[in-house]
Amino acid sequence: MKNVRSYRLTKEERDIVKWITSGKAKSLPNLAQHKKHLAASARTQREKTTMVSIRVREHDLERLRARAEREGLPYQTAINALIHKYAQEEYDRKSD
């Protein structure tokens, strides 16, 4: 057996280990979709970006922020995803 260092866990880390080993931890029901979403977000973050300033209706921005929060995303990432999707659809249409 290899020599394994033992590390002291914080209380929070011990609580997490206890929660996982208790059987109460459950996998996300849509884990594959969630992984794809995170991978796409990671790819987007690696690409070169340009800062833009736009005027948006306050109500639209509030709704967008709420939806992004429900999906676990920063709202700017959600806006970027919408712009990318729109641009990609236009590109795909021209490629056909």
PDB file of N, CA and C in Angstrom:
ATOM      1  N   MET A   1       0.841  -1.184   0.000  1.00  0.00           N
ATOM      2  CA  MET A   1       0.000   0.000   0.000  1.00  0.00           C
ATOM      3  C   MET A   1       0.881   1.240   0.000  1.00  0.00           C
ATOM      4  N   LYS A   2       0.519   2.206  -0.792  1.00  0.00           N
ATOM      5  CA  LYS A   2       1.287   3.442  -0.871  1.00  0.00           C
ATOM      6  C   LYS A   2       1.099   4.261   0.394  1.00  0.00           C
ATOM      7  N   ASN A   3       2.111   5.041   0.684  1.00  0.00           N
ATOM      8  CA  ASN A   3       2.040   5.923   1.836  1.00  0.00           C
ATOM      9  C   ASN A   3       1.105   7.086   1.505  1.00  0.00           C
ATOM     10  N   VAL A   4       0.016   7.197   2.219  1.00  0.00           N
ATOM     11  CA  VAL A   4      -0.971   8.242   1.979  1.00  0.00           C
ATOM     12  C   VAL A   4      -0.945   9.211   3.149  1.00  0.00           C
ATOM     13  N   ARG A   5      -0.788  10.476   2.836  1.00  0.00           N
ATOM     14  CA  ARG A   5      -0.812  11.484   3.894  1.00  0.00           C
ATOM     15  C   ARG A   5      -2.233  11.655   4.410  1.00  0.00           C
ATOM     16  N   SER A   6      -2.332  11.855   5.688  1.00  0.00           N
ATOM     17  CA  SER A   6      -3.667  12.121   6.218  1.00  0.00           C
ATOM     18  C   SER A   6      -3.784  13.629   6.428  1.00  0.00           C
ATOM     19  N   TYR A   7      -4.900  14.162   5.987  1.00  0.00           N
ATOM     20  CA  TYR A   7      -5.145  15.594   6.088  1.00  0.00           C
ATOM     21  C   TYR A   7      -6.268  15.835   7.075  1.00  0.00           C
ATOM     22  N   ARG A   8      -6.162  16.929   7.766  1.00  0.00           N
ATOM     23  CA  ARG A   8      -7.240  17.312   8.668  1.00  0.00           C
ATOM     24  C   ARG A   8      -8.304  18.028   7.863  1.00  0.00           C
ATOM     25  N   LEU A   9      -9.520  17.608   8.071  1.00  0.00           N
ATOM     26  CA  LEU A   9     -10.648  18.232   7.385  1.00  0.00           C
ATOM     27  C   LEU A   9     -11.248  19.313   8.268  1.00  0.00           C
ATOM     28  N   THR A  10     -11.752  20.328   7.624  1.00  0.00           N
ATOM     29  CA  THR A  10     -12.473  21.363   8.364  1.00  0.00           C
ATOM     30  C   THR A  10     -13.830  20.788   8.770  1.00  0.00           C
ATOM     31  N   LYS A  11     -14.532  21.468   9.639  1.00  0.00           N
ATOM     32  CA  LYS A  11     -15.860  21.008  10.044  1.00  0.00           C
ATOM     33  C   LYS A  11     -16.775  20.917   8.831  1.00  0.00           C
ATOM     34  N   GLU A  12     -16.710  21.921   7.955  1.00  0.00           N
ATOM     35  CA  GLU A  12     -17.548  21.911   6.755  1.00  0.00           C
ATOM     36  C   GLU A  12     -17.232  20.691   5.882  1.00  0.00           C
ATOM     37  N   GLU A  13     -15.946  20.394   5.714  1.00  0.00           N
ATOM     38  CA  GLU A  13     -15.555  19.232   4.911  1.00  0.00           C
ATOM     39  C   GLU A  13     -16.024  17.930   5.557  1.00  0.00           C
ATOM     40  N   ARG A  14     -15.908  17.834   6.884  1.00  0.00           N
ATOM     41  CA  ARG A  14     -16.394  16.637   7.592  1.00  0.00           C
ATOM     42  C   ARG A  14     -17.900  16.476   7.418  1.00  0.00           C
ATOM     43  N   ASP A  15     -18.629  17.594   7.485  1.00  0.00           N
ATOM     44  CA  ASP A  15     -20.081  17.553   7.286  1.00  0.00           C
ATOM     45  C   ASP A  15     -20.428  17.069   5.882  1.00  0.00           C
ATOM     46  N   ILE A  16     -19.666  17.507   4.886  1.00  0.00           N
ATOM     47  CA  ILE A  16     -19.908  17.070   3.507  1.00  0.00           C
ATOM     48  C   ILE A  16     -19.657  15.575   3.373  1.00  0.00           C
ATOM     49  N   VAL A  17     -18.552  15.097   3.933  1.00  0.00           N
ATOM     50  CA  VAL A  17     -18.244  13.661   3.872  1.00  0.00           C
ATOM     51  C   VAL A  17     -19.342  12.862   4.569  1.00  0.00           C
ATOM     52  N   LYS A  18     -19.784  13.327   5.720  1.00  0.00           N
ATOM     53  CA  LYS A  18     -20.853  12.655   6.465  1.00  0.00           C
ATOM     54  C   LYS A  18     -22.137  12.610   5.644  1.00  0.00           C
ATOM     55  N   TRP A  19     -22.473  13.717   4.985  1.00  0.00           N
ATOM     56  CA  TRP A  19     -23.683  13.804   4.159  1.00  0.00           C
ATOM     57  C   TRP A  19     -23.609  12.831   2.989  1.00  0.00           C
ATOM     58  N   ILE A  20     -22.465  12.771   2.329  1.00  0.00           N
ATOM     59  CA  ILE A  20     -22.309  11.873   1.180  1.00  0.00           C
ATOM     60  C   ILE A  20     -22.380  10.416   1.621  1.00  0.00           C
ATOM     61  N   THR A  21     -21.672  10.072   2.688  1.00  0.00           N
ATOM     62  CA  THR A  21     -21.644   8.673   3.130  1.00  0.00           C
ATOM     63  C   THR A  21     -22.951   8.236   3.779  1.00  0.00           C
ATOM     64  N   SER A  22     -23.797   9.179   4.180  1.00  0.00           N
ATOM     65  CA  SER A  22     -25.079   8.820   4.797  1.00  0.00           C
ATOM     66  C   SER A  22     -26.099   8.320   3.775  1.00  0.00           C
ATOM     67  N   GLY A  23     -25.821   8.548   2.501  1.00  0.00           N
ATOM     68  CA  GLY A  23     -26.756   8.141   1.457  1.00  0.00           C
ATOM     69  C   GLY A  23     -27.792   9.202   1.139  1.00  0.00           C
ATOM     70  N   LYS A  24     -27.710  10.349   1.789  1.00  0.00           N
ATOM     71  CA  LYS A  24     -28.672  11.424   1.534  1.00  0.00           C
ATOM     72  C   LYS A  24     -28.331  12.214   0.269  1.00  0.00           C
ATOM     73  N   ALA A  25     -27.077  12.156  -0.145  1.00  0.00           N
ATOM     74  CA  ALA A  25     -26.657  12.894  -1.345  1.00  0.00           C
ATOM     75  C   ALA A  25     -27.225  12.210  -2.578  1.00  0.00           C
ATOM     76  N   LYS A  26     -27.775  12.991  -3.458  1.00  0.00           N
ATOM     77  CA  LYS A  26     -28.369  12.464  -4.692  1.00  0.00           C
ATOM     78  C   LYS A  26     -27.723  13.144  -5.886  1.00  0.00           C
ATOM     79  N   SER A  27     -27.600  12.407  -6.964  1.00  0.00           N
ATOM     80  CA  SER A  27     -27.085  12.969  -8.207  1.00  0.00           C
ATOM     81  C   SER A  27     -28.155  13.867  -8.824  1.00  0.00           C
ATOM     82  N   LEU A  28     -27.716  14.846  -9.589  1.00  0.00           N
ATOM     83  CA  LEU A  28     -28.670  15.706 -10.288  1.00  0.00           C
ATOM     84  C   LEU A  28     -29.447  14.881 -11.300  1.00  0.00           C
ATOM     85  N   PRO A  29     -30.753  15.104 -11.424  1.00  0.00           N
ATOM     86  CA  PRO A  29     -31.545  14.314 -12.366  1.00  0.00           C
ATOM     87  C   PRO A  29     -31.135  14.540 -13.820  1.00  0.00           C
ATOM     88  N   ASN A  30     -30.650  15.712 -14.135  1.00  0.00           N
ATOM     89  CA  ASN A  30     -30.245  16.019 -15.508  1.00  0.00           C
ATOM     90  C   ASN A  30     -28.748  16.311 -15.548  1.00  0.00           C
ATOM     91  N   LEU A  31     -27.954  15.424 -14.964  1.00  0.00           N
ATOM     92  CA  LEU A  31     -26.517  15.637 -14.821  1.00  0.00           C
ATOM     93  C   LEU A  31     -25.822  15.803 -16.167  1.00  0.00           C
ATOM     94  N   ALA A  32     -26.169  14.982 -17.154  1.00  0.00           N
ATOM     95  CA  ALA A  32     -25.513  15.068 -18.464  1.00  0.00           C
ATOM     96  C   ALA A  32     -25.753  16.435 -19.098  1.00  0.00           C
ATOM     97  N   GLN A  33     -26.985  16.921 -19.020  1.00  0.00           N
ATOM     98  CA  GLN A  33     -27.313  18.232 -19.581  1.00  0.00           C
ATOM     99  C   GLN A  33     -26.568  19.335 -18.827  1.00  0.00           C
ATOM    100  N   HIS A  34     -26.497  19.195 -17.517  1.00  0.00           N
ATOM    101  CA  HIS A  34     -25.803  20.183 -16.691  1.00  0.00           C
ATOM    102  C   HIS A  34     -24.314  20.220 -17.049  1.00  0.00           C
ATOM    103  N   LYS A  35     -23.714  19.050 -17.262  1.00  0.00           N
ATOM    104  CA  LYS A  35     -22.302  18.981 -17.640  1.00  0.00           C
ATOM    105  C   LYS A  35     -22.063  19.661 -18.983  1.00  0.00           C
ATOM    106  N   LYS A  36     -22.961  19.415 -19.946  1.00  0.00           N
ATOM    107  CA  LYS A  36     -22.827  20.053 -21.262  1.00  0.00           C
ATOM    108  C   LYS A  36     -22.891  21.569 -21.126  1.00  0.00           C
ATOM    109  N   HIS A  37     -23.815  22.024 -20.301  1.00  0.00           N
ATOM    110  CA  HIS A  37     -23.993  23.460 -20.090  1.00  0.00           C
ATOM    111  C   HIS A  37     -22.731  24.074 -19.475  1.00  0.00           C
ATOM    112  N   LEU A  38     -22.162  23.392 -18.482  1.00  0.00           N
ATOM    113  CA  LEU A  38     -20.948  23.894 -17.843  1.00  0.00           C
ATOM    114  C   LEU A  38     -19.769  23.881 -18.811  1.00  0.00           C
ATOM    115  N   ALA A  39     -19.680  22.834 -19.637  1.00  0.00           N
ATOM    116  CA  ALA A  39     -18.600  22.757 -20.624  1.00  0.00           C
ATOM    117  C   ALA A  39     -18.710  23.894 -21.630  1.00  0.00           C
ATOM    118  N   ALA A  40     -19.923  24.179 -22.069  1.00  0.00           N
ATOM    119  CA  ALA A  40     -20.133  25.280 -23.015  1.00  0.00           C
ATOM    120  C   ALA A  40     -19.757  26.612 -22.374  1.00  0.00           C
ATOM    121  N   SER A  41     -20.115  26.776 -21.119  1.00  0.00           N
ATOM    122  CA  SER A  41     -19.760  28.008 -20.409  1.00  0.00           C
ATOM    123  C   SER A  41     -18.247  28.146 -20.286  1.00  0.00           C
ATOM    124  N   ALA A  42     -17.570  27.029 -20.009  1.00  0.00           N
ATOM    125  CA  ALA A  42     -16.110  27.053 -19.891  1.00  0.00           C
ATOM    126  C   ALA A  42     -15.464  27.434 -21.220  1.00  0.00           C
ATOM    127  N   ARG A  43     -15.970  26.865 -22.322  1.00  0.00           N
ATOM    128  CA  ARG A  43     -15.423  27.210 -23.641  1.00  0.00           C
ATOM    129  C   ARG A  43     -15.615  28.693 -23.924  1.00  0.00           C
ATOM    130  N   THR A  44     -16.777  29.197 -23.585  1.00  0.00           N
ATOM    131  CA  THR A  44     -17.073  30.609 -23.812  1.00  0.00           C
ATOM    132  C   THR A  44     -16.121  31.491 -23.014  1.00  0.00           C
ATOM    133  N   GLN A  45     -15.814  31.087 -21.798  1.00  0.00           N
ATOM    134  CA  GLN A  45     -14.929  31.883 -20.949  1.00  0.00           C
ATOM    135  C   GLN A  45     -13.508  31.938 -21.501  1.00  0.00           C
ATOM    136  N   ARG A  46     -13.070  30.881 -22.181  1.00  0.00           N
ATOM    137  CA  ARG A  46     -11.709  30.835 -22.712  1.00  0.00           C
ATOM    138  C   ARG A  46     -11.540  31.709 -23.947  1.00  0.00           C
ATOM    139  N   GLU A  47     -12.610  31.946 -24.664  1.00  0.00           N
ATOM    140  CA  GLU A  47     -12.522  32.717 -25.892  1.00  0.00           C
ATOM    141  C   GLU A  47     -12.326  34.200 -25.590  1.00  0.00           C
ATOM    142  N   LYS A  48     -11.706  34.892 -26.548  1.00  0.00           N
ATOM    143  CA  LYS A  48     -11.483  36.328 -26.403  1.00  0.00           C
ATOM    144  C   LYS A  48     -12.835  37.044 -26.378  1.00  0.00           C
ATOM    145  N   THR A  49     -12.966  37.969 -25.471  1.00  0.00           N
ATOM    146  CA  THR A  49     -14.223  38.708 -25.349  1.00  0.00           C
ATOM    147  C   THR A  49     -13.968  40.203 -25.512  1.00  0.00           C
ATOM    148  N   THR A  50     -15.006  40.902 -25.867  1.00  0.00           N
ATOM    149  CA  THR A  50     -14.964  42.353 -25.998  1.00  0.00           C
ATOM    150  C   THR A  50     -16.073  42.933 -25.137  1.00  0.00           C
ATOM    151  N   MET A  51     -15.751  43.971 -24.431  1.00  0.00           N
ATOM    152  CA  MET A  51     -16.732  44.608 -23.562  1.00  0.00           C
ATOM    153  C   MET A  51     -17.670  45.483 -24.399  1.00  0.00           C
ATOM    154  N   VAL A  52     -18.973  45.371 -24.131  1.00  0.00           N
ATOM    155  CA  VAL A  52     -19.961  46.200 -24.820  1.00  0.00           C
ATOM    156  C   VAL A  52     -20.894  46.822 -23.788  1.00  0.00           C
ATOM    157  N   SER A  53     -21.505  47.907 -24.177  1.00  0.00           N
ATOM    158  CA  SER A  53     -22.472  48.575 -23.317  1.00  0.00           C
ATOM    159  C   SER A  53     -23.770  48.711 -24.105  1.00  0.00           C
ATOM    160  N   ILE A  54     -24.864  48.217 -23.545  1.00  0.00           N
ATOM    161  CA  ILE A  54     -26.157  48.297 -24.226  1.00  0.00           C
ATOM    162  C   ILE A  54     -27.220  48.779 -23.243  1.00  0.00           C
ATOM    163  N   ARG A  55     -28.258  49.336 -23.788  1.00  0.00           N
ATOM    164  CA  ARG A  55     -29.401  49.739 -22.966  1.00  0.00           C
ATOM    165  C   ARG A  55     -30.458  48.645 -23.077  1.00  0.00           C
ATOM    166  N   VAL A  56     -30.935  48.209 -21.922  1.00  0.00           N
ATOM    167  CA  VAL A  56     -31.910  47.123 -21.849  1.00  0.00           C
ATOM    168  C   VAL A  56     -33.051  47.578 -20.958  1.00  0.00           C
ATOM    169  N   ARG A  57     -34.262  47.209 -21.324  1.00  0.00           N
ATOM    170  CA  ARG A  57     -35.409  47.540 -20.467  1.00  0.00           C
ATOM    171  C   ARG A  57     -35.189  46.910 -19.095  1.00  0.00           C
ATOM    172  N   GLU A  58     -35.467  47.685 -18.069  1.00  0.00           N
ATOM    173  CA  GLU A  58     -35.243  47.227 -16.703  1.00  0.00           C
ATOM    174  C   GLU A  58     -36.001  45.933 -16.417  1.00  0.00           C
ATOM    175  N   HIS A  59     -37.238  45.864 -16.858  1.00  0.00           N
ATOM    176  CA  HIS A  59     -38.059  44.677 -16.626  1.00  0.00           C
ATOM    177  C   HIS A  59     -37.435  43.437 -17.279  1.00  0.00           C
ATOM    178  N   ASP A  60     -36.933  43.605 -18.506  1.00  0.00           N
ATOM    179  CA  ASP A  60     -36.293  42.482 -19.200  1.00  0.00           C
ATOM    180  C   ASP A  60     -35.051  42.015 -18.450  1.00  0.00           C
ATOM    181  N   LEU A  61     -34.262  42.963 -17.973  1.00  0.00           N
ATOM    182  CA  LEU A  61     -33.043  42.613 -17.248  1.00  0.00           C
ATOM    183  C   LEU A  61     -33.378  41.900 -15.939  1.00  0.00           C
ATOM    184  N   GLU A  62     -34.397  42.342 -15.238  1.00  0.00           N
ATOM    185  CA  GLU A  62     -34.811  41.685 -13.993  1.00  0.00           C
ATOM    186  C   GLU A  62     -35.221  40.242 -14.257  1.00  0.00           C
ATOM    187  N   ARG A  63     -35.999  40.038 -15.320  1.00  0.00           N
ATOM    188  CA  ARG A  63     -36.445  38.682 -15.658  1.00  0.00           C
ATOM    189  C   ARG A  63     -35.263  37.812 -16.077  1.00  0.00           C
ATOM    190  N   LEU A  64     -34.333  38.387 -16.826  1.00  0.00           N
ATOM    191  CA  LEU A  64     -33.156  37.645 -17.256  1.00  0.00           C
ATOM    192  C   LEU A  64     -32.303  37.250 -16.055  1.00  0.00           C
ATOM    193  N   ARG A  65     -32.120  38.182 -15.127  1.00  0.00           N
ATOM    194  CA  ARG A  65     -31.337  37.875 -13.921  1.00  0.00           C
ATOM    195  C   ARG A  65     -31.997  36.764 -13.107  1.00  0.00           C
ATOM    196  N   ALA A  66     -33.320  36.817 -12.976  1.00  0.00           N
ATOM    197  CA  ALA A  66     -34.042  35.794 -12.216  1.00  0.00           C
ATOM    198  C   ALA A  66     -33.885  34.425 -12.873  1.00  0.00           C
ATOM    199  N   ARG A  67     -34.011  34.384 -14.191  1.00  0.00           N
ATOM    200  CA  ARG A  67     -33.871  33.104 -14.901  1.00  0.00           C
ATOM    201  C   ARG A  67     -32.443  32.582 -14.785  1.00  0.00           C
ATOM    202  N   ALA A  68     -31.469  33.463 -14.938  1.00  0.00           N
ATOM    203  CA  ALA A  68     -30.070  33.052 -14.818  1.00  0.00           C
ATOM    204  C   ALA A  68     -29.804  32.490 -13.424  1.00  0.00           C
ATOM    205  N   GLU A  69     -30.362  33.123 -12.412  1.00  0.00           N
ATOM    206  CA  GLU A  69     -30.176  32.642 -11.041  1.00  0.00           C
ATOM    207  C   GLU A  69     -30.789  31.254 -10.862  1.00  0.00           C
ATOM    208  N   ARG A  70     -31.982  31.048 -11.421  1.00  0.00           N
ATOM    209  CA  ARG A  70     -32.625  29.726 -11.330  1.00  0.00           C
ATOM    210  C   ARG A  70     -31.770  28.654 -11.994  1.00  0.00           C
ATOM    211  N   GLU A  71     -31.067  29.036 -13.056  1.00  0.00           N
ATOM    212  CA  GLU A  71     -30.230  28.087 -13.787  1.00  0.00           C
ATOM    213  C   GLU A  71     -28.812  28.024 -13.232  1.00  0.00           C
ATOM    214  N   GLY A  72     -28.549  28.813 -12.192  1.00  0.00           N
ATOM    215  CA  GLY A  72     -27.241  28.777 -11.552  1.00  0.00           C
ATOM    216  C   GLY A  72     -26.137  29.450 -12.352  1.00  0.00           C
ATOM    217  N   LEU A  73     -26.505  30.466 -13.128  1.00  0.00           N
ATOM    218  CA  LEU A  73     -25.537  31.170 -13.968  1.00  0.00           C
ATOM    219  C   LEU A  73     -25.435  32.633 -13.569  1.00  0.00           C
ATOM    220  N   PRO A  74     -24.263  33.218 -13.761  1.00  0.00           N
ATOM    221  CA  PRO A  74     -24.199  34.671 -13.660  1.00  0.00           C
ATOM    222  C   PRO A  74     -25.022  35.268 -14.806  1.00  0.00           C
ATOM    223  N   TYR A  75     -25.691  36.383 -14.568  1.00  0.00           N
ATOM    224  CA  TYR A  75     -26.587  36.921 -15.602  1.00  0.00           C
ATOM    225  C   TYR A  75     -25.827  37.353 -16.850  1.00  0.00           C
ATOM    226  N   GLN A  76     -24.581  37.815 -16.700  1.00  0.00           N
ATOM    227  CA  GLN A  76     -23.812  38.216 -17.878  1.00  0.00           C
ATOM    228  C   GLN A  76     -23.480  37.008 -18.754  1.00  0.00           C
ATOM    229  N   THR A  77     -23.261  35.862 -18.135  1.00  0.00           N
ATOM    230  CA  THR A  77     -23.028  34.633 -18.893  1.00  0.00           C
ATOM    231  C   THR A  77     -24.286  34.263 -19.663  1.00  0.00           C
ATOM    232  N   ALA A  78     -25.445  34.447 -19.042  1.00  0.00           N
ATOM    233  CA  ALA A  78     -26.715  34.155 -19.716  1.00  0.00           C
ATOM    234  C   ALA A  78     -26.913  35.077 -20.916  1.00  0.00           C
ATOM    235  N   ILE A  79     -26.604  36.355 -20.746  1.00  0.00           N
ATOM    236  CA  ILE A  79     -26.718  37.302 -21.863  1.00  0.00           C
ATOM    237  C   ILE A  79     -25.772  36.893 -22.983  1.00  0.00           C
ATOM    238  N   ASN A  80     -24.551  36.536 -22.618  1.00  0.00           N
ATOM    239  CA  ASN A  80     -23.568  36.113 -23.610  1.00  0.00           C
ATOM    240  C   ASN A  80     -24.056  34.874 -24.358  1.00  0.00           C
ATOM    241  N   ALA A  81     -24.676  33.939 -23.648  1.00  0.00           N
ATOM    242  CA  ALA A  81     -25.199  32.726 -24.288  1.00  0.00           C
ATOM    243  C   ALA A  81     -26.308  33.071 -25.280  1.00  0.00           C
ATOM    244  N   LEU A  82     -27.173  34.015 -24.921  1.00  0.00           N
ATOM    245  CA  LEU A  82     -28.240  34.441 -25.834  1.00  0.00           C
ATOM    246  C   LEU A  82     -27.669  35.071 -27.102  1.00  0.00           C
ATOM    247  N   ILE A  83     -26.685  35.931 -26.929  1.00  0.00           N
ATOM    248  CA  ILE A  83     -26.058  36.575 -28.086  1.00  0.00           C
ATOM    249  C   ILE A  83     -25.380  35.530 -28.966  1.00  0.00           C
ATOM    250  N   HIS A  84     -24.664  34.605 -28.334  1.00  0.00           N
ATOM    251  CA  HIS A  84     -23.973  33.561 -29.093  1.00  0.00           C
ATOM    252  C   HIS A  84     -24.969  32.700 -29.869  1.00  0.00           C
ATOM    253  N   LYS A  85     -26.049  32.316 -29.215  1.00  0.00           N
ATOM    254  CA  LYS A  85     -27.059  31.485 -29.877  1.00  0.00           C
ATOM    255  C   LYS A  85     -27.650  32.216 -31.081  1.00  0.00           C
ATOM    256  N   TYR A  86     -27.967  33.473 -30.911  1.00  0.00           N
ATOM    257  CA  TYR A  86     -28.531  34.280 -31.996  1.00  0.00           C
ATOM    258  C   TYR A  86     -27.544  34.378 -33.160  1.00  0.00           C
ATOM    259  N   ALA A  87     -26.287  34.662 -32.845  1.00  0.00           N
ATOM    260  CA  ALA A  87     -25.264  34.793 -33.888  1.00  0.00           C
ATOM    261  C   ALA A  87     -25.018  33.457 -34.580  1.00  0.00           C
ATOM    262  N   GLN A  88     -25.012  32.375 -33.823  1.00  0.00           N
ATOM    263  CA  GLN A  88     -24.767  31.047 -34.396  1.00  0.00           C
ATOM    264  C   GLN A  88     -25.908  30.635 -35.318  1.00  0.00           C
ATOM    265  N   GLU A  89     -27.134  30.929 -34.935  1.00  0.00           N
ATOM    266  CA  GLU A  89     -28.279  30.593 -35.789  1.00  0.00           C
ATOM    267  C   GLU A  89     -28.191  31.334 -37.120  1.00  0.00           C
ATOM    268  N   GLU A  90     -27.781  32.577 -37.091  1.00  0.00           N
ATOM    269  CA  GLU A  90     -27.626  33.360 -38.321  1.00  0.00           C
ATOM    270  C   GLU A  90     -26.525  32.754 -39.188  1.00  0.00           C
ATOM    271  N   TYR A  91     -25.426  32.367 -38.562  1.00  0.00           N
ATOM    272  CA  TYR A  91     -24.311  31.747 -39.290  1.00  0.00           C
ATOM    273  C   TYR A  91     -24.745  30.417 -39.906  1.00  0.00           C
ATOM    274  N   ASP A  92     -25.465  29.610 -39.123  1.00  0.00           N
ATOM    275  CA  ASP A  92     -25.935  28.307 -39.619  1.00  0.00           C
ATOM    276  C   ASP A  92     -26.884  28.478 -40.800  1.00  0.00           C
ATOM    277  N   ARG A  93     -27.739  29.496 -40.740  1.00  0.00           N
ATOM    278  CA  ARG A  93     -28.686  29.756 -41.816  1.00  0.00           C
ATOM    279  C   ARG A  93     -27.955  30.116 -43.114  1.00  0.00           C
ATOM    280  N   LYS A  94     -26.903  30.914 -43.003  1.00  0.00           N
ATOM    281  CA  LYS A  94     -26.135  31.321 -44.180  1.00  0.00           C
ATOM    282  C   LYS A  94     -25.307  30.171 -44.737  1.00  0.00           C
ATOM    283  N   SER A  95     -24.927  29.220 -43.882  1.00  0.00           N
ATOM    284  CA  SER A  95     -24.108  28.085 -44.313  1.00  0.00           C
ATOM    285  C   SER A  95     -24.903  27.071 -45.110  1.00  0.00           C
ATOM    286  N   ASP A  96     -26.215  27.051 -44.938  1.00  0.00           N
ATOM    287  CA  ASP A  96     -27.061  26.053 -45.625  1.00  0.00           C
ATOM    288  C   ASP A  96     -27.168  26.282 -47.087  1.00  0.00           C
TER     289      ASP A  96
END
